[in-house]
PDB file of N, CA and C in Angstrom:
ATOM      1  N   ALA A   1     -31.144 -81.508  17.411  1.00  0.00           N
ATOM      2  CA  ALA A   1     -32.388 -81.279  18.119  1.00  0.00           C
ATOM      3  C   ALA A   1     -32.371 -79.855  18.686  1.00  0.00           C
ATOM      4  N   VAL A   2     -33.515 -79.254  18.746  1.00  0.00           N
ATOM      5  CA  VAL A   2     -33.653 -77.885  19.223  1.00  0.00           C
ATOM      6  C   VAL A   2     -34.635 -77.861  20.387  1.00  0.00           C
ATOM      7  N   GLU A   3     -34.274 -77.153  21.432  1.00  0.00           N
ATOM      8  CA  GLU A   3     -35.171 -76.894  22.558  1.00  0.00           C
ATOM      9  C   GLU A   3     -35.557 -75.425  22.484  1.00  0.00           C
ATOM     10  N   ILE A   4     -36.831 -75.139  22.624  1.00  0.00           N
ATOM     11  CA  ILE A   4     -37.297 -73.755  22.586  1.00  0.00           C
ATOM     12  C   ILE A   4     -37.681 -73.323  23.992  1.00  0.00           C
ATOM     13  N   ALA A   5     -37.173 -72.159  24.370  1.00  0.00           N
ATOM     14  CA  ALA A   5     -37.512 -71.568  25.669  1.00  0.00           C
ATOM     15  C   ALA A   5     -38.309 -70.297  25.411  1.00  0.00           C
ATOM     16  N   VAL A   6     -39.291 -70.036  26.241  1.00  0.00           N
ATOM     17  CA  VAL A   6     -40.139 -68.858  26.051  1.00  0.00           C
ATOM     18  C   VAL A   6     -39.486 -67.580  26.559  1.00  0.00           C
ATOM     19  N   ASP A   7     -38.500 -67.717  27.442  1.00  0.00           N
ATOM     20  CA  ASP A   7     -37.789 -66.549  27.968  1.00  0.00           C
ATOM     21  C   ASP A   7     -36.512 -67.032  28.644  1.00  0.00           C
ATOM     22  N   GLY A   8     -35.763 -66.104  29.228  1.00  0.00           N
ATOM     23  CA  GLY A   8     -34.499 -66.452  29.863  1.00  0.00           C
ATOM     24  C   GLY A   8     -34.637 -67.384  31.048  1.00  0.00           C
ATOM     25  N   VAL A   9     -35.682 -67.229  31.833  1.00  0.00           N
ATOM     26  CA  VAL A   9     -35.906 -68.110  32.984  1.00  0.00           C
ATOM     27  C   VAL A   9     -36.144 -69.540  32.497  1.00  0.00           C
ATOM     28  N   ASP A  10     -36.970 -69.689  31.481  1.00  0.00           N
ATOM     29  CA  ASP A  10     -37.234 -71.005  30.904  1.00  0.00           C
ATOM     30  C   ASP A  10     -35.952 -71.596  30.322  1.00  0.00           C
ATOM     31  N   ALA A  11     -35.129 -70.770  29.698  1.00  0.00           N
ATOM     32  CA  ALA A  11     -33.858 -71.246  29.133  1.00  0.00           C
ATOM     33  C   ALA A  11     -32.945 -71.785  30.225  1.00  0.00           C
ATOM     34  N   LEU A  12     -32.825 -71.070  31.330  1.00  0.00           N
ATOM     35  CA  LEU A  12     -31.986 -71.552  32.433  1.00  0.00           C
ATOM     36  C   LEU A  12     -32.519 -72.867  32.992  1.00  0.00           C
ATOM     37  N   ASN A  13     -33.834 -72.990  33.104  1.00  0.00           N
ATOM     38  CA  ASN A  13     -34.419 -74.248  33.577  1.00  0.00           C
ATOM     39  C   ASN A  13     -34.059 -75.391  32.638  1.00  0.00           C
ATOM     40  N   LYS A  14     -34.142 -75.156  31.338  1.00  0.00           N
ATOM     41  CA  LYS A  14     -33.805 -76.197  30.366  1.00  0.00           C
ATOM     42  C   LYS A  14     -32.324 -76.566  30.442  1.00  0.00           C
ATOM     43  N   LEU A  15     -31.464 -75.570  30.679  1.00  0.00           N
ATOM     44  CA  LEU A  15     -30.036 -75.862  30.833  1.00  0.00           C
ATOM     45  C   LEU A  15     -29.785 -76.764  32.031  1.00  0.00           C
ATOM     46  N   ASN A  16     -30.572 -76.615  33.073  1.00  0.00           N
ATOM     47  CA  ASN A  16     -30.420 -77.452  34.262  1.00  0.00           C
ATOM     48  C   ASN A  16     -31.010 -78.842  34.082  1.00  0.00           C
ATOM     49  N   GLU A  17     -31.923 -78.999  33.126  1.00  0.00           N
ATOM     50  CA  GLU A  17     -32.617 -80.274  32.928  1.00  0.00           C
ATOM     51  C   GLU A  17     -31.996 -81.143  31.840  1.00  0.00           C
ATOM     52  N   LYS A  18     -31.361 -80.533  30.851  1.00  0.00           N
ATOM     53  CA  LYS A  18     -30.907 -81.275  29.672  1.00  0.00           C
ATOM     54  C   LYS A  18     -29.499 -80.846  29.293  1.00  0.00           C
ATOM     55  N   HIS A  19     -28.861 -81.663  28.460  1.00  0.00           N
ATOM     56  CA  HIS A  19     -27.571 -81.268  27.903  1.00  0.00           C
ATOM     57  C   HIS A  19     -27.841 -80.367  26.701  1.00  0.00           C
ATOM     58  N   ILE A  20     -27.297 -79.176  26.738  1.00  0.00           N
ATOM     59  CA  ILE A  20     -27.465 -78.199  25.664  1.00  0.00           C
ATOM     60  C   ILE A  20     -26.078 -77.859  25.135  1.00  0.00           C
ATOM     61  N   ASP A  21     -25.926 -77.818  23.815  1.00  0.00           N
ATOM     62  CA  ASP A  21     -24.625 -77.537  23.202  1.00  0.00           C
ATOM     63  C   ASP A  21     -24.393 -76.057  22.934  1.00  0.00           C
ATOM     64  N   ALA A  22     -25.459 -75.301  22.681  1.00  0.00           N
ATOM     65  CA  ALA A  22     -25.329 -73.875  22.355  1.00  0.00           C
ATOM     66  C   ALA A  22     -26.645 -73.182  22.659  1.00  0.00           C
ATOM     67  N   VAL A  23     -26.568 -71.871  22.868  1.00  0.00           N
ATOM     68  CA  VAL A  23     -27.764 -71.074  23.130  1.00  0.00           C
ATOM     69  C   VAL A  23     -27.830 -69.949  22.109  1.00  0.00           C
ATOM     70  N   ILE A  24     -29.015 -69.756  21.571  1.00  0.00           N
ATOM     71  CA  ILE A  24     -29.309 -68.607  20.713  1.00  0.00           C
ATOM     72  C   ILE A  24     -30.349 -67.800  21.458  1.00  0.00           C
ATOM     73  N   THR A  25     -30.042 -66.539  21.730  1.00  0.00           N
ATOM     74  CA  THR A  25     -30.936 -65.719  22.534  1.00  0.00           C
ATOM     75  C   THR A  25     -31.208 -64.374  21.889  1.00  0.00           C
ATOM     76  N   ASP A  26     -32.348 -63.838  22.207  1.00  0.00           N
ATOM     77  CA  ASP A  26     -32.700 -62.468  21.838  1.00  0.00           C
ATOM     78  C   ASP A  26     -32.218 -61.565  22.963  1.00  0.00           C
ATOM     79  N   ILE A  27     -32.176 -60.276  22.705  1.00  0.00           N
ATOM     80  CA  ILE A  27     -31.810 -59.331  23.762  1.00  0.00           C
ATOM     81  C   ILE A  27     -33.010 -59.092  24.670  1.00  0.00           C
ATOM     82  N   ALA A  28     -34.150 -58.753  24.064  1.00  0.00           N
ATOM     83  CA  ALA A  28     -35.344 -58.403  24.840  1.00  0.00           C
ATOM     84  C   ALA A  28     -36.238 -59.625  24.995  1.00  0.00           C
ATOM     85  N   MET A  29     -36.422 -60.041  26.248  1.00  0.00           N
ATOM     86  CA  MET A  29     -37.313 -61.157  26.559  1.00  0.00           C
ATOM     87  C   MET A  29     -38.002 -60.847  27.879  1.00  0.00           C
ATOM     88  N   PRO A  30     -39.174 -61.426  28.095  1.00  0.00           N
ATOM     89  CA  PRO A  30     -39.847 -61.221  29.389  1.00  0.00           C
ATOM     90  C   PRO A  30     -39.112 -61.966  30.506  1.00  0.00           C
ATOM     91  N   ARG A  31     -39.301 -61.522  31.712  1.00  0.00           N
ATOM     92  CA  ARG A  31     -38.781 -62.098  32.954  1.00  0.00           C
ATOM     93  C   ARG A  31     -37.271 -62.050  33.088  1.00  0.00           C
ATOM     94  N   MET A  32     -36.524 -62.353  32.045  1.00  0.00           N
ATOM     95  CA  MET A  32     -35.058 -62.293  32.102  1.00  0.00           C
ATOM     96  C   MET A  32     -34.554 -61.980  30.706  1.00  0.00           C
ATOM     97  N   ASP A  33     -33.879 -60.852  30.551  1.00  0.00           N
ATOM     98  CA  ASP A  33     -33.409 -60.478  29.214  1.00  0.00           C
ATOM     99  C   ASP A  33     -32.162 -61.270  28.833  1.00  0.00           C
ATOM    100  N   GLY A  34     -31.740 -61.102  27.591  1.00  0.00           N
ATOM    101  CA  GLY A  34     -30.606 -61.850  27.072  1.00  0.00           C
ATOM    102  C   GLY A  34     -29.313 -61.589  27.809  1.00  0.00           C
ATOM    103  N   ASN A  35     -29.104 -60.378  28.258  1.00  0.00           N
ATOM    104  CA  ASN A  35     -27.887 -60.041  28.986  1.00  0.00           C
ATOM    105  C   ASN A  35     -27.830 -60.782  30.321  1.00  0.00           C
ATOM    106  N   MET A  36     -28.929 -60.791  31.041  1.00  0.00           N
ATOM    107  CA  MET A  36     -28.980 -61.495  32.320  1.00  0.00           C
ATOM    108  C   MET A  36     -28.844 -63.007  32.099  1.00  0.00           C
ATOM    109  N   LEU A  37     -29.466 -63.513  31.037  1.00  0.00           N
ATOM    110  CA  LEU A  37     -29.344 -64.930  30.714  1.00  0.00           C
ATOM    111  C   LEU A  37     -27.883 -65.278  30.459  1.00  0.00           C
ATOM    112  N   LEU A  38     -27.213 -64.490  29.626  1.00  0.00           N
ATOM    113  CA  LEU A  38     -25.802 -64.750  29.315  1.00  0.00           C
ATOM    114  C   LEU A  38     -24.951 -64.722  30.584  1.00  0.00           C
ATOM    115  N   ASN A  39     -25.169 -63.742  31.425  1.00  0.00           N
ATOM    116  CA  ASN A  39     -24.399 -63.657  32.674  1.00  0.00           C
ATOM    117  C   ASN A  39     -24.647 -64.863  33.574  1.00  0.00           C
ATOM    118  N   ASN A  40     -25.881 -65.337  33.634  1.00  0.00           N
ATOM    119  CA  ASN A  40     -26.184 -66.533  34.429  1.00  0.00           C
ATOM    120  C   ASN A  40     -25.528 -67.768  33.830  1.00  0.00           C
ATOM    121  N   ILE A  41     -25.550 -67.889  32.506  1.00  0.00           N
ATOM    122  CA  ILE A  41     -24.912 -69.035  31.845  1.00  0.00           C
ATOM    123  C   ILE A  41     -23.422 -69.049  32.151  1.00  0.00           C
ATOM    124  N   ARG A  42     -22.783 -67.902  32.072  1.00  0.00           N
ATOM    125  CA  ARG A  42     -21.333 -67.825  32.293  1.00  0.00           C
ATOM    126  C   ARG A  42     -20.950 -68.153  33.740  1.00  0.00           C
ATOM    127  N   ARG A  43     -21.878 -68.046  34.663  1.00  0.00           N
ATOM    128  CA  ARG A  43     -21.603 -68.401  36.062  1.00  0.00           C
ATOM    129  C   ARG A  43     -21.779 -69.897  36.330  1.00  0.00           C
ATOM    130  N   MET A  44     -22.354 -70.630  35.396  1.00  0.00           N
ATOM    131  CA  MET A  44     -22.570 -72.063  35.572  1.00  0.00           C
ATOM    132  C   MET A  44     -21.306 -72.808  35.125  1.00  0.00           C
ATOM    133  N   ASP A  45     -20.710 -73.587  36.018  1.00  0.00           N
ATOM    134  CA  ASP A  45     -19.459 -74.273  35.698  1.00  0.00           C
ATOM    135  C   ASP A  45     -19.533 -75.080  34.411  1.00  0.00           C
ATOM    136  N   GLN A  46     -20.586 -75.848  34.238  1.00  0.00           N
ATOM    137  CA  GLN A  46     -20.673 -76.734  33.078  1.00  0.00           C
ATOM    138  C   GLN A  46     -20.970 -75.981  31.775  1.00  0.00           C
ATOM    139  N   TYR A  47     -21.393 -74.732  31.864  1.00  0.00           N
ATOM    140  CA  TYR A  47     -21.727 -73.964  30.661  1.00  0.00           C
ATOM    141  C   TYR A  47     -20.916 -72.674  30.532  1.00  0.00           C
ATOM    142  N   GLY A  48     -19.861 -72.549  31.304  1.00  0.00           N
ATOM    143  CA  GLY A  48     -19.072 -71.329  31.293  1.00  0.00           C
ATOM    144  C   GLY A  48     -18.504 -70.950  29.938  1.00  0.00           C
ATOM    145  N   SER A  49     -18.223 -71.951  29.098  1.00  0.00           N
ATOM    146  CA  SER A  49     -17.655 -71.652  27.780  1.00  0.00           C
ATOM    147  C   SER A  49     -18.573 -72.078  26.636  1.00  0.00           C
ATOM    148  N   MET A  50     -19.834 -72.396  26.942  1.00  0.00           N
ATOM    149  CA  MET A  50     -20.775 -72.810  25.919  1.00  0.00           C
ATOM    150  C   MET A  50     -20.996 -71.687  24.906  1.00  0.00           C
ATOM    151  N   PRO A  51     -21.066 -72.007  23.612  1.00  0.00           N
ATOM    152  CA  PRO A  51     -21.346 -70.975  22.613  1.00  0.00           C
ATOM    153  C   PRO A  51     -22.708 -70.327  22.827  1.00  0.00           C
ATOM    154  N   VAL A  52     -22.714 -68.997  22.807  1.00  0.00           N
ATOM    155  CA  VAL A  52     -23.946 -68.221  22.909  1.00  0.00           C
ATOM    156  C   VAL A  52     -23.983 -67.248  21.740  1.00  0.00           C
ATOM    157  N   ILE A  53     -25.078 -67.285  20.997  1.00  0.00           N
ATOM    158  CA  ILE A  53     -25.296 -66.386  19.866  1.00  0.00           C
ATOM    159  C   ILE A  53     -26.439 -65.458  20.246  1.00  0.00           C
ATOM    160  N   VAL A  54     -26.226 -64.157  20.076  1.00  0.00           N
ATOM    161  CA  VAL A  54     -27.240 -63.159  20.389  1.00  0.00           C
ATOM    162  C   VAL A  54     -27.837 -62.659  19.075  1.00  0.00           C
ATOM    163  N   VAL A  55     -29.158 -62.627  19.017  1.00  0.00           N
ATOM    164  CA  VAL A  55     -29.874 -62.095  17.859  1.00  0.00           C
ATOM    165  C   VAL A  55     -30.586 -60.829  18.320  1.00  0.00           C
ATOM    166  N   SER A  56     -30.354 -59.727  17.588  1.00  0.00           N
ATOM    167  CA  SER A  56     -30.899 -58.434  17.990  1.00  0.00           C
ATOM    168  C   SER A  56     -31.794 -57.850  16.909  1.00  0.00           C
ATOM    169  N   GLY A  57     -32.811 -57.108  17.324  1.00  0.00           N
ATOM    170  CA  GLY A  57     -33.716 -56.457  16.376  1.00  0.00           C
ATOM    171  C   GLY A  57     -33.080 -55.298  15.653  1.00  0.00           C
ATOM    172  N   ALA A  58     -32.063 -54.707  16.228  1.00  0.00           N
ATOM    173  CA  ALA A  58     -31.410 -53.549  15.610  1.00  0.00           C
ATOM    174  C   ALA A  58     -29.928 -53.595  15.919  1.00  0.00           C
ATOM    175  N   TYR A  59     -29.140 -53.030  15.021  1.00  0.00           N
ATOM    176  CA  TYR A  59     -27.703 -52.982  15.267  1.00  0.00           C
ATOM    177  C   TYR A  59     -27.417 -51.868  16.258  1.00  0.00           C
ATOM    178  N   ASP A  60     -26.872 -52.246  17.371  1.00  0.00           N
ATOM    179  CA  ASP A  60     -26.487 -51.300  18.413  1.00  0.00           C
ATOM    180  C   ASP A  60     -25.059 -51.657  18.805  1.00  0.00           C
ATOM    181  N   PRO A  61     -24.084 -50.845  18.349  1.00  0.00           N
ATOM    182  CA  PRO A  61     -22.684 -51.190  18.617  1.00  0.00           C
ATOM    183  C   PRO A  61     -22.376 -51.344  20.104  1.00  0.00           C
ATOM    184  N   GLU A  62     -23.013 -50.542  20.936  1.00  0.00           N
ATOM    185  CA  GLU A  62     -22.757 -50.650  22.370  1.00  0.00           C
ATOM    186  C   GLU A  62     -23.318 -51.958  22.934  1.00  0.00           C
ATOM    187  N   ALA A  63     -24.517 -52.342  22.494  1.00  0.00           N
ATOM    188  CA  ALA A  63     -25.099 -53.613  22.940  1.00  0.00           C
ATOM    189  C   ALA A  63     -24.245 -54.783  22.461  1.00  0.00           C
ATOM    190  N   LYS A  64     -23.793 -54.716  21.212  1.00  0.00           N
ATOM    191  CA  LYS A  64     -22.940 -55.782  20.685  1.00  0.00           C
ATOM    192  C   LYS A  64     -21.677 -55.905  21.534  1.00  0.00           C
ATOM    193  N   LYS A  65     -21.023 -54.801  21.832  1.00  0.00           N
ATOM    194  CA  LYS A  65     -19.811 -54.817  22.646  1.00  0.00           C
ATOM    195  C   LYS A  65     -20.093 -55.389  24.023  1.00  0.00           C
ATOM    196  N   GLN A  66     -21.208 -54.984  24.609  1.00  0.00           N
ATOM    197  CA  GLN A  66     -21.574 -55.473  25.938  1.00  0.00           C
ATOM    198  C   GLN A  66     -21.730 -56.994  25.937  1.00  0.00           C
ATOM    199  N   PHE A  67     -22.413 -57.530  24.922  1.00  0.00           N
ATOM    200  CA  PHE A  67     -22.620 -58.979  24.861  1.00  0.00           C
ATOM    201  C   PHE A  67     -21.325 -59.726  24.561  1.00  0.00           C
ATOM    202  N   ILE A  68     -20.524 -59.204  23.651  1.00  0.00           N
ATOM    203  CA  ILE A  68     -19.255 -59.858  23.331  1.00  0.00           C
ATOM    204  C   ILE A  68     -18.338 -59.834  24.559  1.00  0.00           C
ATOM    205  N   ASP A  69     -18.291 -58.704  25.247  1.00  0.00           N
ATOM    206  CA  ASP A  69     -17.480 -58.611  26.466  1.00  0.00           C
ATOM    207  C   ASP A  69     -17.970 -59.570  27.548  1.00  0.00           C
ATOM    208  N   ALA A  70     -19.270 -59.844  27.573  1.00  0.00           N
ATOM    209  CA  ALA A  70     -19.841 -60.754  28.573  1.00  0.00           C
ATOM    210  C   ALA A  70     -19.662 -62.220  28.188  1.00  0.00           C
ATOM    211  N   GLY A  71     -19.182 -62.470  26.964  1.00  0.00           N
ATOM    212  CA  GLY A  71     -18.895 -63.847  26.585  1.00  0.00           C
ATOM    213  C   GLY A  71     -19.708 -64.420  25.449  1.00  0.00           C
ATOM    214  N   ALA A  72     -20.502 -63.605  24.764  1.00  0.00           N
ATOM    215  CA  ALA A  72     -21.215 -64.107  23.585  1.00  0.00           C
ATOM    216  C   ALA A  72     -20.207 -64.286  22.453  1.00  0.00           C
ATOM    217  N   GLN A  73     -20.353 -65.352  21.682  1.00  0.00           N
ATOM    218  CA  GLN A  73     -19.432 -65.607  20.586  1.00  0.00           C
ATOM    219  C   GLN A  73     -19.871 -64.986  19.271  1.00  0.00           C
ATOM    220  N   ALA A  74     -21.151 -64.661  19.155  1.00  0.00           N
ATOM    221  CA  ALA A  74     -21.644 -64.074  17.907  1.00  0.00           C
ATOM    222  C   ALA A  74     -22.820 -63.157  18.207  1.00  0.00           C
ATOM    223  N   PHE A  75     -23.000 -62.157  17.343  1.00  0.00           N
ATOM    224  CA  PHE A  75     -24.077 -61.178  17.468  1.00  0.00           C
ATOM    225  C   PHE A  75     -24.640 -60.980  16.067  1.00  0.00           C
ATOM    226  N   ILE A  76     -25.882 -61.394  15.856  1.00  0.00           N
ATOM    227  CA  ILE A  76     -26.513 -61.316  14.538  1.00  0.00           C
ATOM    228  C   ILE A  76     -27.691 -60.354  14.606  1.00  0.00           C
ATOM    229  N   VAL A  77     -27.724 -59.405  13.671  1.00  0.00           N
ATOM    230  CA  VAL A  77     -28.815 -58.440  13.607  1.00  0.00           C
ATOM    231  C   VAL A  77     -29.941 -59.045  12.765  1.00  0.00           C
ATOM    232  N   LYS A  78     -31.167 -58.961  13.272  1.00  0.00           N
ATOM    233  CA  LYS A  78     -32.301 -59.583  12.585  1.00  0.00           C
ATOM    234  C   LYS A  78     -32.490 -59.066  11.170  1.00  0.00           C
ATOM    235  N   SER A  79     -32.186 -57.787  10.911  1.00  0.00           N
ATOM    236  CA  SER A  79     -32.356 -57.262   9.551  1.00  0.00           C
ATOM    237  C   SER A  79     -31.378 -57.916   8.578  1.00  0.00           C
ATOM    238  N   ASP A  80     -30.246 -58.415   9.090  1.00  0.00           N
ATOM    239  CA  ASP A  80     -29.261 -59.127   8.272  1.00  0.00           C
ATOM    240  C   ASP A  80     -29.440 -60.633   8.362  1.00  0.00           C
ATOM    241  N   PHE A  81     -30.454 -61.038   9.109  1.00  0.00           N
ATOM    242  CA  PHE A  81     -30.637 -62.448   9.424  1.00  0.00           C
ATOM    243  C   PHE A  81     -31.026 -63.253   8.194  1.00  0.00           C
ATOM    244  N   GLN A  82     -30.305 -64.297   7.996  1.00  0.00           N
ATOM    245  CA  GLN A  82     -30.641 -65.310   7.015  1.00  0.00           C
ATOM    246  C   GLN A  82     -30.375 -66.643   7.688  1.00  0.00           C
ATOM    247  N   ARG A  83     -31.203 -67.600   7.384  1.00  0.00           N
ATOM    248  CA  ARG A  83     -31.063 -68.908   8.023  1.00  0.00           C
ATOM    249  C   ARG A  83     -29.635 -69.431   7.875  1.00  0.00           C
ATOM    250  N   GLY A  84     -29.041 -69.219   6.721  1.00  0.00           N
ATOM    251  CA  GLY A  84     -27.678 -69.687   6.480  1.00  0.00           C
ATOM    252  C   GLY A  84     -26.663 -69.049   7.407  1.00  0.00           C
ATOM    253  N   ASN A  85     -26.841 -67.757   7.720  1.00  0.00           N
ATOM    254  CA  ASN A  85     -25.920 -67.070   8.631  1.00  0.00           C
ATOM    255  C   ASN A  85     -25.934 -67.717  10.008  1.00  0.00           C
ATOM    256  N   LEU A  86     -27.128 -67.987  10.492  1.00  0.00           N
ATOM    257  CA  LEU A  86     -27.263 -68.585  11.817  1.00  0.00           C
ATOM    258  C   LEU A  86     -26.690 -70.001  11.826  1.00  0.00           C
ATOM    259  N   LEU A  87     -27.037 -70.801  10.833  1.00  0.00           N
ATOM    260  CA  LEU A  87     -26.528 -72.167  10.786  1.00  0.00           C
ATOM    261  C   LEU A  87     -25.009 -72.198  10.660  1.00  0.00           C
ATOM    262  N   GLN A  88     -24.467 -71.283   9.866  1.00  0.00           N
ATOM    263  CA  GLN A  88     -23.014 -71.209   9.717  1.00  0.00           C
ATOM    264  C   GLN A  88     -22.354 -70.856  11.050  1.00  0.00           C
ATOM    265  N   ALA A  89     -22.924 -69.885  11.764  1.00  0.00           N
ATOM    266  CA  ALA A  89     -22.366 -69.505  13.067  1.00  0.00           C
ATOM    267  C   ALA A  89     -22.414 -70.680  14.044  1.00  0.00           C
ATOM    268  N   VAL A  90     -23.529 -71.394  14.084  1.00  0.00           N
ATOM    269  CA  VAL A  90     -23.661 -72.544  14.983  1.00  0.00           C
ATOM    270  C   VAL A  90     -22.646 -73.629  14.607  1.00  0.00           C
ATOM    271  N   GLU A  91     -22.538 -73.935  13.315  1.00  0.00           N
ATOM    272  CA  GLU A  91     -21.593 -74.967  12.878  1.00  0.00           C
ATOM    273  C   GLU A  91     -20.164 -74.597  13.248  1.00  0.00           C
ATOM    274  N   GLU A  92     -19.801 -73.331  13.029  1.00  0.00           N
ATOM    275  CA  GLU A  92     -18.433 -72.898  13.355  1.00  0.00           C
ATOM    276  C   GLU A  92     -18.171 -72.979  14.854  1.00  0.00           C
ATOM    277  N   LEU A  93     -19.125 -72.538  15.659  1.00  0.00           N
ATOM    278  CA  LEU A  93     -18.926 -72.539  17.104  1.00  0.00           C
ATOM    279  C   LEU A  93     -18.898 -73.943  17.693  1.00  0.00           C
ATOM    280  N   LEU A  94     -19.617 -74.870  17.066  1.00  0.00           N
ATOM    281  CA  LEU A  94     -19.636 -76.245  17.550  1.00  0.00           C
ATOM    282  C   LEU A  94     -18.635 -77.130  16.814  1.00  0.00           C
ATOM    283  N   ASN A  95     -17.896 -76.543  15.881  1.00  0.00           N
ATOM    284  CA  ASN A  95     -16.929 -77.286  15.067  1.00  0.00           C
ATOM    285  C   ASN A  95     -17.571 -78.473  14.361  1.00  0.00           C
ATOM    286  N   VAL A  96     -18.731 -78.200  13.742  1.00  0.00           N
ATOM    287  CA  VAL A  96     -19.487 -79.217  13.032  1.00  0.00           C
ATOM    288  C   VAL A  96     -19.485 -78.863  11.549  1.00  0.00           C
ATOM    289  N   ARG A  97     -19.291 -79.835  10.710  1.00  0.00           N
ATOM    290  CA  ARG A  97     -19.398 -79.609   9.251  1.00  0.00           C
ATOM    291  C   ARG A  97     -19.448 -80.914   8.561  1.00  0.00           C
TER     292      ARG A  97
END
Protein backbone atom coordinates (compact mmCIF):
# COMPACT_ATOMS: atom_id res chain seq x y z
CA ALA A 1 0.00 0.00 0.00
CA VAL A 2 1.19 3.52 -0.75
CA GLU A 3 0.37 6.73 1.09
CA ILE A 4 0.86 9.96 -0.84
CA ALA A 5 1.83 13.17 0.92
CA VAL A 6 1.63 16.55 -0.78
CA ASP A 7 4.71 17.89 1.03
CA GLY A 8 7.03 17.24 3.97
CA VAL A 9 4.57 18.51 6.58
CA ASP A 10 1.88 16.17 5.26
CA ALA A 11 4.41 13.31 5.25
CA LEU A 12 5.27 13.87 8.92
CA ASN A 13 1.56 13.94 9.79
CA LYS A 14 1.06 10.62 8.00
CA LEU A 15 4.04 9.12 9.85
CA ASN A 16 2.35 10.07 13.12
CA GLU A 17 -1.01 8.62 12.04
CA LYS A 18 -0.07 5.34 10.35
CA HIS A 19 2.60 2.67 10.25
CA ILE A 20 4.93 3.48 7.36
CA ASP A 21 7.73 1.14 6.25
CA ALA A 22 9.71 3.51 3.99
CA VAL A 23 9.67 7.07 2.68
CA ILE A 24 10.40 8.25 -0.84
CA THR A 25 10.91 11.99 -0.97
CA ASP A 26 11.81 14.72 -3.40
CA ILE A 27 14.35 17.37 -2.48
CA ALA A 28 12.22 20.41 -3.36
CA MET A 29 8.77 20.50 -1.79
CA PRO A 30 6.55 23.28 -0.44
CA ARG A 31 6.40 24.02 3.31
CA MET A 32 9.13 21.50 4.21
CA ASP A 33 11.85 20.32 1.84
CA GLY A 34 13.25 16.81 1.67
CA ASN A 35 16.27 17.61 3.81
CA MET A 36 14.16 18.97 6.65
CA LEU A 37 11.78 16.01 6.32
CA LEU A 38 14.68 13.55 6.55
CA ASN A 39 16.10 15.32 9.60
CA ASN A 40 12.70 15.26 11.31
CA ILE A 41 12.25 11.55 10.52
CA ARG A 42 15.67 10.73 11.97
CA ARG A 43 14.71 12.48 15.23
CA MET A 44 11.62 10.27 15.67
CA ASP A 45 12.46 7.24 17.82
CA GLN A 46 10.20 4.84 15.94
CA TYR A 47 11.49 5.96 12.52
CA GLY A 48 15.14 6.68 13.27
CA SER A 49 16.34 3.86 11.01
CA MET A 50 13.44 3.73 8.53
CA PRO A 51 14.56 3.51 4.88
CA VAL A 52 14.42 6.87 3.11
CA ILE A 53 14.93 7.19 -0.64
CA VAL A 54 15.56 10.64 -2.11
CA VAL A 55 14.56 11.39 -5.70
CA SER A 56 16.21 14.45 -7.27
CA GLY A 57 15.58 16.39 -10.47
CA ALA A 58 19.29 16.73 -11.15
CA TYR A 59 22.46 14.99 -10.08
CA ASP A 60 24.16 17.14 -7.50
CA PRO A 61 27.04 15.34 -5.78
CA GLU A 62 26.96 17.72 -2.83
CA ALA A 63 23.20 17.26 -2.32
CA LYS A 64 23.61 13.49 -2.58
CA LYS A 65 26.37 13.54 0.05
CA GLN A 66 24.29 15.77 2.31
CA PHE A 67 21.31 13.39 2.16
CA ILE A 68 23.39 10.24 2.58
CA ASP A 69 25.21 11.81 5.53
CA ALA A 70 21.83 12.72 7.05
CA GLY A 71 20.69 9.10 6.83
CA ALA A 72 19.10 8.55 3.42
CA GLN A 73 19.74 5.03 2.15
CA ALA A 74 19.38 5.80 -1.56
CA PHE A 75 19.52 8.77 -3.93
CA ILE A 76 17.92 8.40 -7.36
CA VAL A 77 18.20 11.04 -10.09
CA LYS A 78 14.95 11.55 -12.01
CA SER A 79 16.75 11.53 -15.38
CA ASP A 80 17.95 7.99 -14.54
CA PHE A 81 14.62 7.10 -13.01
CA GLN A 82 12.97 3.91 -14.07
CA ARG A 83 10.18 2.25 -12.17
CA GLY A 84 12.34 -0.85 -11.79
CA ASN A 85 15.16 1.12 -10.14
CA LEU A 86 12.83 2.49 -7.50
CA LEU A 87 11.12 -0.84 -6.84
CA GLN A 88 14.48 -2.59 -6.60
CA ALA A 89 15.74 -0.02 -4.09
CA VAL A 90 12.58 -0.37 -1.98
CA GLU A 91 12.73 -4.18 -2.06
CA GLU A 92 16.40 -4.19 -1.05
CA LEU A 93 15.89 -1.71 1.78
CA LEU A 94 12.87 -3.59 3.12
CA ASN A 95 14.45 -7.01 2.52
CA VAL A 96 11.48 -8.04 0.39
CA ARG A 97 11.67 -10.35 -2.63
